[in-house]
Each structure stands twice: as C-alpha cells, then as structure tokens.
Amino acid sequence: MLPLFLFIIAFACEKATQPQQPPSVLQISGFVTDKQTGNPLDSVSVSLNHNTGSIGSPSIPQMTLFTGIDGKFNFQFSSKDNYSYSVFFDKTGAGYKWISKSIDRNKEHQEFNVTLEK
C-alpha cells in the first residue's frame, strides 16, 4: 500500500512541475464605450495583431471586426508559438483616440472592456 501511495505522490509532483502549454485557441470578447458619456460605441474597428517576436518587427494584422450597436465584440483565433498578440481599438475617423491592449497567451478567454476618448 505504501509503495502505491509513494508512486501517486511522485506522479502528481512530476505533473505539477511540467510547464503548461498555452491554449491553442483563444477567445477575446468585451465592449467599447465612450469615456465621457459611458454609452456603447458601435462600428469600432477591433483588430487582432501579432508579431513574430523579432526585435523591431512590425505588428501584423491577423483579423479585424467591428463592434455592434451595443458596443460588443467577440472572436476566437488559433494562437501560434512564438507570437505575441495585441488588440487594437480604433474609431479615429469619429475623433476618438485609438488604444491597444496586450493579450495573455496563457489565458483561454479574455475580456476587454475599453473606453475611448476624444
């Protein structure tokens, strides 16, 4: 009985020390509001960008969608090893300042509640 118990403990410790792999599919959601009024903003460009991790490499748009009339957005994407990701929120045509948020590759679902200001 004692050897079985020791085997289980050793197996559990080995599993706990192994590095976790980031999820292969990430889901990003949230909503965008006007900082001054608190109202939801529709038609905000929400772009997923990635870079290869090379120093000085540009951010490459991977996909873009727009917020609905309720200011909400939601998308999923397959993450690739050695890439870092960010989400870019833009409604500069209406006088708002753009904003960028970094994505944590180790979290399967992330929610961004963003306020844009003029």
N, C-alpha and C. Protein backbone atom coordinates (compact mmCIF):
# COMPACT_ATOMS: atom_id res chain seq x y z
N MET A 1 0.81 -1.19 0.00
CA MET A 1 0.00 0.00 0.00
C MET A 1 0.87 1.27 0.00
N LEU A 2 1.92 1.26 0.83
CA LEU A 2 2.81 2.40 0.89
C LEU A 2 3.50 2.66 -0.45
N PRO A 3 4.00 1.63 -1.17
CA PRO A 3 4.62 1.91 -2.48
C PRO A 3 3.65 2.56 -3.47
N LEU A 4 2.39 2.13 -3.46
CA LEU A 4 1.39 2.72 -4.36
C LEU A 4 1.18 4.19 -4.01
N PHE A 5 1.09 4.49 -2.73
CA PHE A 5 0.92 5.87 -2.27
C PHE A 5 2.10 6.74 -2.72
N LEU A 6 3.32 6.23 -2.56
CA LEU A 6 4.52 6.98 -2.96
C LEU A 6 4.55 7.20 -4.47
N PHE A 7 4.11 6.20 -5.24
CA PHE A 7 4.05 6.34 -6.70
C PHE A 7 3.08 7.45 -7.09
N ILE A 8 1.92 7.47 -6.45
CA ILE A 8 0.90 8.50 -6.76
C ILE A 8 1.45 9.89 -6.43
N ILE A 9 2.10 10.02 -5.29
CA ILE A 9 2.67 11.32 -4.89
C ILE A 9 3.76 11.75 -5.90
N ALA A 10 4.63 10.83 -6.28
CA ALA A 10 5.69 11.16 -7.24
C ALA A 10 5.12 11.57 -8.58
N PHE A 11 4.07 10.86 -9.05
CA PHE A 11 3.43 11.19 -10.33
C PHE A 11 2.80 12.57 -10.27
N ALA A 12 2.11 12.87 -9.17
CA ALA A 12 1.46 14.18 -9.02
C ALA A 12 2.50 15.29 -9.00
N CYS A 13 3.62 15.09 -8.33
CA CYS A 13 4.67 16.11 -8.28
C CYS A 13 5.28 16.33 -9.65
N GLU A 14 5.48 15.25 -10.41
CA GLU A 14 6.04 15.37 -11.76
C GLU A 14 5.11 16.17 -12.65
N LYS A 15 3.80 15.90 -12.59
CA LYS A 15 2.82 16.64 -13.40
C LYS A 15 2.79 18.12 -13.02
N ALA A 16 2.90 18.41 -11.73
CA ALA A 16 2.83 19.79 -11.25
C ALA A 16 4.03 20.61 -11.71
N THR A 17 5.18 19.96 -11.93
CA THR A 17 6.37 20.71 -12.32
C THR A 17 6.53 20.85 -13.83
N GLN A 18 5.73 20.14 -14.62
CA GLN A 18 5.82 20.26 -16.07
C GLN A 18 5.22 21.59 -16.52
N PRO A 19 5.90 22.30 -17.45
CA PRO A 19 5.36 23.59 -17.91
C PRO A 19 4.05 23.40 -18.66
N GLN A 20 3.13 24.32 -18.43
CA GLN A 20 1.83 24.27 -19.10
C GLN A 20 1.97 24.86 -20.50
N GLN A 21 1.33 24.23 -21.46
CA GLN A 21 1.30 24.75 -22.83
C GLN A 21 0.18 25.78 -22.94
N PRO A 22 0.41 26.87 -23.64
CA PRO A 22 -0.67 27.84 -23.84
C PRO A 22 -1.80 27.19 -24.63
N PRO A 23 -3.05 27.64 -24.43
CA PRO A 23 -4.16 27.08 -25.20
C PRO A 23 -3.95 27.34 -26.70
N SER A 24 -4.43 26.42 -27.52
CA SER A 24 -4.24 26.57 -28.97
C SER A 24 -5.27 27.51 -29.59
N VAL A 25 -6.41 27.69 -28.93
CA VAL A 25 -7.44 28.61 -29.41
C VAL A 25 -7.75 29.60 -28.29
N LEU A 26 -7.72 30.88 -28.63
CA LEU A 26 -8.01 31.93 -27.66
C LEU A 26 -9.30 32.64 -28.05
N GLN A 27 -10.07 33.04 -27.04
CA GLN A 27 -11.30 33.79 -27.28
C GLN A 27 -11.16 35.16 -26.63
N ILE A 28 -11.46 36.19 -27.42
CA ILE A 28 -11.39 37.58 -26.97
C ILE A 28 -12.78 38.19 -27.10
N SER A 29 -13.24 38.85 -26.04
CA SER A 29 -14.55 39.49 -26.09
C SER A 29 -14.53 40.74 -25.22
N GLY A 30 -15.61 41.48 -25.28
CA GLY A 30 -15.74 42.66 -24.45
C GLY A 30 -16.64 43.70 -25.09
N PHE A 31 -16.52 44.92 -24.60
CA PHE A 31 -17.29 46.01 -25.20
C PHE A 31 -16.52 47.31 -25.11
N VAL A 32 -16.93 48.25 -25.95
CA VAL A 32 -16.26 49.55 -26.05
C VAL A 32 -17.29 50.64 -25.77
N THR A 33 -16.90 51.58 -24.91
CA THR A 33 -17.80 52.68 -24.56
C THR A 33 -17.08 54.02 -24.73
N ASP A 34 -17.87 55.08 -24.80
CA ASP A 34 -17.37 56.44 -24.85
C ASP A 34 -16.99 56.85 -23.42
N LYS A 35 -15.78 57.34 -23.23
CA LYS A 35 -15.30 57.68 -21.89
C LYS A 35 -16.13 58.77 -21.24
N GLN A 36 -16.54 59.75 -22.02
CA GLN A 36 -17.27 60.90 -21.47
C GLN A 36 -18.72 60.55 -21.13
N THR A 37 -19.41 59.84 -22.02
CA THR A 37 -20.84 59.58 -21.81
C THR A 37 -21.12 58.21 -21.20
N GLY A 38 -20.19 57.26 -21.37
CA GLY A 38 -20.43 55.90 -20.91
C GLY A 38 -21.28 55.08 -21.86
N ASN A 39 -21.71 55.69 -22.98
CA ASN A 39 -22.54 54.99 -23.96
C ASN A 39 -21.71 54.00 -24.78
N PRO A 40 -22.33 52.89 -25.21
CA PRO A 40 -21.62 51.95 -26.07
C PRO A 40 -21.28 52.59 -27.41
N LEU A 41 -20.14 52.21 -27.98
CA LEU A 41 -19.72 52.72 -29.28
C LEU A 41 -19.83 51.61 -30.32
N ASP A 42 -20.60 51.89 -31.37
CA ASP A 42 -20.71 50.91 -32.45
C ASP A 42 -19.69 51.23 -33.54
N SER A 43 -19.46 50.27 -34.39
CA SER A 43 -18.56 50.40 -35.55
C SER A 43 -17.12 50.75 -35.17
N VAL A 44 -16.68 50.34 -33.99
CA VAL A 44 -15.28 50.49 -33.62
C VAL A 44 -14.52 49.34 -34.26
N SER A 45 -13.43 49.64 -34.94
CA SER A 45 -12.58 48.63 -35.54
C SER A 45 -11.80 47.94 -34.42
N VAL A 46 -11.94 46.60 -34.34
CA VAL A 46 -11.22 45.80 -33.35
C VAL A 46 -10.32 44.86 -34.14
N SER A 47 -9.01 45.11 -34.10
CA SER A 47 -8.05 44.34 -34.90
C SER A 47 -7.16 43.50 -34.01
N LEU A 48 -7.04 42.23 -34.37
CA LEU A 48 -6.10 41.34 -33.71
C LEU A 48 -4.78 41.44 -34.46
N ASN A 49 -3.71 41.75 -33.75
CA ASN A 49 -2.39 41.89 -34.36
C ASN A 49 -1.42 40.90 -33.71
N HIS A 50 -0.44 40.47 -34.47
CA HIS A 50 0.61 39.63 -33.91
C HIS A 50 1.96 40.04 -34.47
N ASN A 51 3.00 39.68 -33.73
CA ASN A 51 4.35 39.84 -34.28
C ASN A 51 5.12 38.57 -34.00
N THR A 52 6.19 38.39 -34.71
CA THR A 52 6.95 37.15 -34.65
C THR A 52 7.93 37.14 -33.49
N GLY A 53 8.01 38.21 -32.75
CA GLY A 53 8.91 38.27 -31.62
C GLY A 53 10.27 38.83 -31.96
N SER A 54 10.53 39.11 -33.23
CA SER A 54 11.80 39.69 -33.62
C SER A 54 11.85 41.14 -33.16
N ILE A 55 13.00 41.56 -32.69
CA ILE A 55 13.14 42.94 -32.21
C ILE A 55 12.91 43.89 -33.38
N GLY A 56 12.02 44.85 -33.17
CA GLY A 56 11.73 45.83 -34.20
C GLY A 56 10.77 45.36 -35.27
N SER A 57 10.24 44.14 -35.12
CA SER A 57 9.32 43.65 -36.15
C SER A 57 7.98 44.36 -36.02
N PRO A 58 7.35 44.66 -37.14
CA PRO A 58 6.06 45.37 -37.09
C PRO A 58 4.94 44.45 -36.62
N SER A 59 3.91 45.06 -36.12
CA SER A 59 2.71 44.32 -35.75
C SER A 59 1.92 44.01 -37.02
N ILE A 60 1.49 42.78 -37.17
CA ILE A 60 0.82 42.34 -38.39
C ILE A 60 -0.66 42.07 -38.10
N PRO A 61 -1.58 42.78 -38.76
CA PRO A 61 -3.00 42.50 -38.53
C PRO A 61 -3.35 41.07 -38.97
N GLN A 62 -4.03 40.36 -38.10
CA GLN A 62 -4.44 38.99 -38.41
C GLN A 62 -5.91 38.94 -38.77
N MET A 63 -6.72 39.72 -38.08
CA MET A 63 -8.15 39.81 -38.41
C MET A 63 -8.72 41.08 -37.81
N THR A 64 -9.78 41.58 -38.43
CA THR A 64 -10.45 42.79 -37.96
C THR A 64 -11.95 42.56 -37.99
N LEU A 65 -12.61 43.04 -36.95
CA LEU A 65 -14.07 43.05 -36.93
C LEU A 65 -14.51 44.37 -36.33
N PHE A 66 -15.82 44.60 -36.27
CA PHE A 66 -16.35 45.86 -35.75
C PHE A 66 -17.34 45.58 -34.64
N THR A 67 -17.39 46.52 -33.68
CA THR A 67 -18.36 46.37 -32.59
C THR A 67 -19.77 46.55 -33.13
N GLY A 68 -20.73 45.90 -32.47
CA GLY A 68 -22.13 46.04 -32.84
C GLY A 68 -22.71 47.31 -32.23
N ILE A 69 -24.01 47.51 -32.42
CA ILE A 69 -24.64 48.73 -31.89
C ILE A 69 -24.61 48.77 -30.36
N ASP A 70 -24.42 47.60 -29.74
CA ASP A 70 -24.31 47.53 -28.29
C ASP A 70 -22.87 47.71 -27.81
N GLY A 71 -21.93 47.95 -28.76
CA GLY A 71 -20.53 48.14 -28.42
C GLY A 71 -19.76 46.85 -28.16
N LYS A 72 -20.41 45.70 -28.36
CA LYS A 72 -19.78 44.42 -28.04
C LYS A 72 -19.02 43.84 -29.22
N PHE A 73 -18.02 43.02 -28.90
CA PHE A 73 -17.27 42.27 -29.91
C PHE A 73 -16.90 40.92 -29.31
N ASN A 74 -16.63 39.95 -30.18
CA ASN A 74 -16.28 38.61 -29.74
C ASN A 74 -15.64 37.87 -30.91
N PHE A 75 -14.47 37.30 -30.71
CA PHE A 75 -13.87 36.45 -31.73
C PHE A 75 -12.91 35.45 -31.10
N GLN A 76 -12.61 34.40 -31.85
CA GLN A 76 -11.63 33.41 -31.45
C GLN A 76 -10.60 33.26 -32.55
N PHE A 77 -9.43 32.82 -32.15
CA PHE A 77 -8.37 32.61 -33.13
C PHE A 77 -7.42 31.55 -32.61
N SER A 78 -6.71 30.94 -33.54
CA SER A 78 -5.69 29.95 -33.20
C SER A 78 -4.39 30.68 -32.91
N SER A 79 -3.83 30.43 -31.73
CA SER A 79 -2.56 31.06 -31.40
C SER A 79 -1.40 30.24 -31.94
N LYS A 80 -0.33 30.92 -32.29
CA LYS A 80 0.85 30.27 -32.84
C LYS A 80 2.01 30.47 -31.88
N ASP A 81 2.86 29.46 -31.79
CA ASP A 81 4.03 29.56 -30.91
C ASP A 81 4.90 30.75 -31.31
N ASN A 82 5.52 31.34 -30.33
CA ASN A 82 6.49 32.43 -30.51
C ASN A 82 5.87 33.73 -31.03
N TYR A 83 4.56 33.85 -31.04
CA TYR A 83 3.93 35.10 -31.44
C TYR A 83 3.39 35.77 -30.19
N SER A 84 3.48 37.09 -30.15
CA SER A 84 2.77 37.84 -29.13
C SER A 84 1.60 38.52 -29.83
N TYR A 85 0.54 38.77 -29.09
CA TYR A 85 -0.69 39.30 -29.67
C TYR A 85 -1.14 40.55 -28.94
N SER A 86 -1.82 41.42 -29.68
CA SER A 86 -2.46 42.59 -29.10
C SER A 86 -3.76 42.86 -29.85
N VAL A 87 -4.64 43.61 -29.20
CA VAL A 87 -5.90 44.02 -29.82
C VAL A 87 -5.86 45.54 -29.94
N PHE A 88 -6.20 46.03 -31.12
CA PHE A 88 -6.14 47.44 -31.45
C PHE A 88 -7.56 47.94 -31.65
N PHE A 89 -7.98 48.95 -30.88
CA PHE A 89 -9.33 49.51 -30.96
C PHE A 89 -9.22 50.89 -31.61
N ASP A 90 -9.99 51.12 -32.68
CA ASP A 90 -9.82 52.35 -33.45
C ASP A 90 -11.16 52.89 -33.95
N LYS A 91 -11.41 54.15 -33.65
CA LYS A 91 -12.55 54.89 -34.23
C LYS A 91 -12.07 56.33 -34.45
N THR A 92 -10.86 56.44 -35.02
CA THR A 92 -10.24 57.76 -35.19
C THR A 92 -11.00 58.63 -36.18
N GLY A 93 -11.71 58.01 -37.13
CA GLY A 93 -12.49 58.79 -38.09
C GLY A 93 -13.58 59.60 -37.41
N ALA A 94 -13.99 59.17 -36.22
CA ALA A 94 -15.01 59.91 -35.47
C ALA A 94 -14.38 60.77 -34.38
N GLY A 95 -13.04 60.91 -34.43
CA GLY A 95 -12.37 61.79 -33.49
C GLY A 95 -11.89 61.13 -32.21
N TYR A 96 -12.00 59.82 -32.09
CA TYR A 96 -11.55 59.12 -30.88
C TYR A 96 -10.07 58.74 -31.00
N LYS A 97 -9.39 58.68 -29.85
CA LYS A 97 -8.01 58.21 -29.81
C LYS A 97 -8.03 56.68 -29.80
N TRP A 98 -7.14 56.07 -30.57
CA TRP A 98 -7.04 54.61 -30.59
C TRP A 98 -6.37 54.11 -29.32
N ILE A 99 -6.57 52.83 -29.03
CA ILE A 99 -5.96 52.21 -27.87
C ILE A 99 -5.58 50.77 -28.22
N SER A 100 -4.54 50.26 -27.61
CA SER A 100 -4.07 48.90 -27.85
C SER A 100 -3.95 48.17 -26.51
N LYS A 101 -4.32 46.91 -26.49
CA LYS A 101 -4.23 46.07 -25.28
C LYS A 101 -3.48 44.80 -25.62
N SER A 102 -2.61 44.36 -24.73
CA SER A 102 -1.88 43.11 -24.92
C SER A 102 -2.73 41.92 -24.51
N ILE A 103 -2.53 40.81 -25.21
CA ILE A 103 -3.24 39.57 -24.92
C ILE A 103 -2.31 38.62 -24.19
N ASP A 104 -2.81 38.01 -23.13
CA ASP A 104 -2.06 37.00 -22.40
C ASP A 104 -2.28 35.65 -23.07
N ARG A 105 -1.27 35.10 -23.72
CA ARG A 105 -1.41 33.84 -24.46
C ARG A 105 -1.73 32.65 -23.57
N ASN A 106 -1.56 32.79 -22.26
CA ASN A 106 -1.82 31.68 -21.35
C ASN A 106 -3.26 31.62 -20.86
N LYS A 107 -4.06 32.61 -21.22
CA LYS A 107 -5.47 32.63 -20.81
C LYS A 107 -6.35 32.31 -22.01
N GLU A 108 -7.18 31.30 -21.86
CA GLU A 108 -8.03 30.85 -22.97
C GLU A 108 -9.08 31.89 -23.34
N HIS A 109 -9.66 32.57 -22.35
CA HIS A 109 -10.68 33.60 -22.62
C HIS A 109 -10.28 34.88 -21.90
N GLN A 110 -10.32 35.99 -22.64
CA GLN A 110 -10.02 37.28 -22.06
C GLN A 110 -11.09 38.28 -22.46
N GLU A 111 -11.44 39.12 -21.52
CA GLU A 111 -12.46 40.14 -21.78
C GLU A 111 -11.82 41.51 -21.63
N PHE A 112 -12.06 42.36 -22.63
CA PHE A 112 -11.56 43.72 -22.64
C PHE A 112 -12.74 44.67 -22.65
N ASN A 113 -12.87 45.46 -21.60
CA ASN A 113 -13.91 46.49 -21.54
C ASN A 113 -13.16 47.82 -21.67
N VAL A 114 -13.27 48.41 -22.84
CA VAL A 114 -12.43 49.54 -23.24
C VAL A 114 -13.26 50.81 -23.32
N THR A 115 -12.66 51.90 -22.87
CA THR A 115 -13.29 53.22 -23.06
C THR A 115 -12.40 54.03 -23.99
N LEU A 116 -13.02 54.65 -24.99
CA LEU A 116 -12.30 55.51 -25.92
C LEU A 116 -12.67 56.95 -25.62
N GLU A 117 -11.68 57.83 -25.77
CA GLU A 117 -11.94 59.25 -25.52
C GLU A 117 -11.56 60.09 -26.73
N LYS A 118 -12.16 61.25 -26.82
CA LYS A 118 -11.87 62.18 -27.92
C LYS A 118 -10.76 63.11 -27.51
